[in-house]
Amino acid sequence: MPPPVNDPGDERLAEYRNIPDPELVRERGIFIAEGRLVVRRLLGERRFVTRSVMVTEVAGLARTLVALTPASSAAVTLYERSRRIV
């Protein structure tokens, strides 16, 4: 797993910036899933390609998500972020 994201200017957050803007999300060609249950379900699906997942440091959720990711999705990047960044 990459080192935790602690800086809001971190370039790894580029695709996560301005996601409330639906036009920008369409231009990027991405789909946003939020919440533990929705993300768990997304990772269990084979019809969507998941590029990355960002989680907070909450009770081992990162390890849980890694365990739920299908073997065919080994290229999913998992980012853990500090709760302190916005």
Protein backbone atom coordinates (compact mmCIF):
# COMPACT_ATOMS: atom_id res chain seq x y z
CA MET A 1 0.00 0.00 0.00
CA PRO A 2 1.36 3.49 -0.83
CA PRO A 3 2.26 5.80 2.05
CA PRO A 4 -0.71 7.63 3.63
CA VAL A 5 -1.90 10.84 1.99
CA ASN A 6 -1.45 13.69 4.46
CA ASP A 7 -1.17 16.72 2.18
CA PRO A 8 -4.19 18.11 0.27
CA GLY A 9 -1.78 19.17 -2.48
CA ASP A 10 -0.56 15.58 -2.97
CA GLU A 11 -0.65 14.82 -6.69
CA ARG A 12 -2.12 11.36 -5.99
CA LEU A 13 -5.38 13.17 -5.12
CA ALA A 14 -5.78 14.70 -8.60
CA GLU A 15 -8.71 12.47 -9.62
CA TYR A 16 -10.41 13.06 -6.29
CA ARG A 17 -10.40 16.86 -6.60
CA ASN A 18 -13.61 18.70 -7.48
CA ILE A 19 -15.72 15.53 -7.61
CA PRO A 20 -18.90 17.41 -6.63
CA ASP A 21 -18.76 18.95 -10.13
CA PRO A 22 -20.73 16.45 -12.29
CA GLU A 23 -19.47 17.90 -15.58
CA LEU A 24 -15.86 17.50 -14.51
CA VAL A 25 -16.51 13.92 -13.42
CA ARG A 26 -18.03 13.13 -16.86
CA GLU A 27 -15.06 14.75 -18.61
CA ARG A 28 -12.69 12.59 -16.59
CA GLY A 29 -14.70 9.48 -17.45
CA ILE A 30 -14.90 8.34 -13.87
CA PHE A 31 -17.59 7.03 -11.56
CA ILE A 32 -17.54 7.95 -7.88
CA ALA A 33 -18.74 5.57 -5.16
CA GLU A 34 -18.92 6.76 -1.56
CA GLY A 35 -19.55 4.97 1.71
CA ARG A 36 -18.36 1.64 3.09
CA LEU A 37 -21.27 -0.47 1.87
CA VAL A 38 -21.31 1.02 -1.64
CA VAL A 39 -17.55 0.64 -2.03
CA ARG A 40 -17.63 -2.93 -0.75
CA ARG A 41 -20.33 -3.78 -3.26
CA LEU A 42 -18.43 -2.06 -6.07
CA LEU A 43 -15.30 -4.06 -5.30
CA GLY A 44 -17.31 -7.27 -5.36
CA GLU A 45 -18.62 -6.51 -8.87
CA ARG A 46 -16.75 -7.68 -11.94
CA ARG A 47 -18.46 -5.42 -14.48
CA PHE A 48 -16.72 -2.24 -13.28
CA VAL A 49 -13.00 -1.54 -13.34
CA THR A 50 -11.92 0.07 -10.09
CA ARG A 51 -8.80 2.19 -10.45
CA SER A 52 -8.41 3.42 -6.90
CA VAL A 53 -10.02 3.52 -3.49
CA MET A 54 -9.43 6.11 -0.79
CA VAL A 55 -10.16 5.29 2.82
CA THR A 56 -9.60 6.93 6.18
CA GLU A 57 -7.65 5.19 8.89
CA VAL A 58 -10.73 3.57 10.43
CA ALA A 59 -10.54 0.21 12.20
CA GLY A 60 -8.63 -1.70 9.55
CA LEU A 61 -11.02 -0.80 6.73
CA ALA A 62 -8.08 -0.65 4.32
CA ARG A 63 -7.26 -4.32 5.03
CA THR A 64 -10.93 -5.26 4.67
CA LEU A 65 -11.14 -3.59 1.27
CA VAL A 66 -7.99 -5.30 0.06
CA ALA A 67 -9.50 -8.66 1.08
CA LEU A 68 -12.73 -7.88 -0.80
CA THR A 69 -11.03 -6.84 -4.02
CA PRO A 70 -11.31 -9.64 -6.62
CA ALA A 71 -8.06 -11.17 -7.87
CA SER A 72 -8.70 -9.69 -11.33
CA SER A 73 -8.60 -6.21 -9.77
CA ALA A 74 -5.05 -6.51 -8.46
CA ALA A 75 -4.24 -3.16 -10.10
CA VAL A 76 -6.52 -1.23 -7.73
CA THR A 77 -4.54 1.45 -5.88
CA LEU A 78 -5.56 1.84 -2.27
CA TYR A 79 -4.95 5.24 -0.68
CA GLU A 80 -5.24 5.75 3.04
CA ARG A 81 -5.74 9.37 4.00
CA SER A 82 -5.53 11.15 7.28
CA ARG A 83 -8.83 12.46 8.65
CA ARG A 84 -7.18 15.88 9.05
CA ILE A 85 -6.87 16.78 5.36
CA VAL A 86 -9.76 18.27 3.39
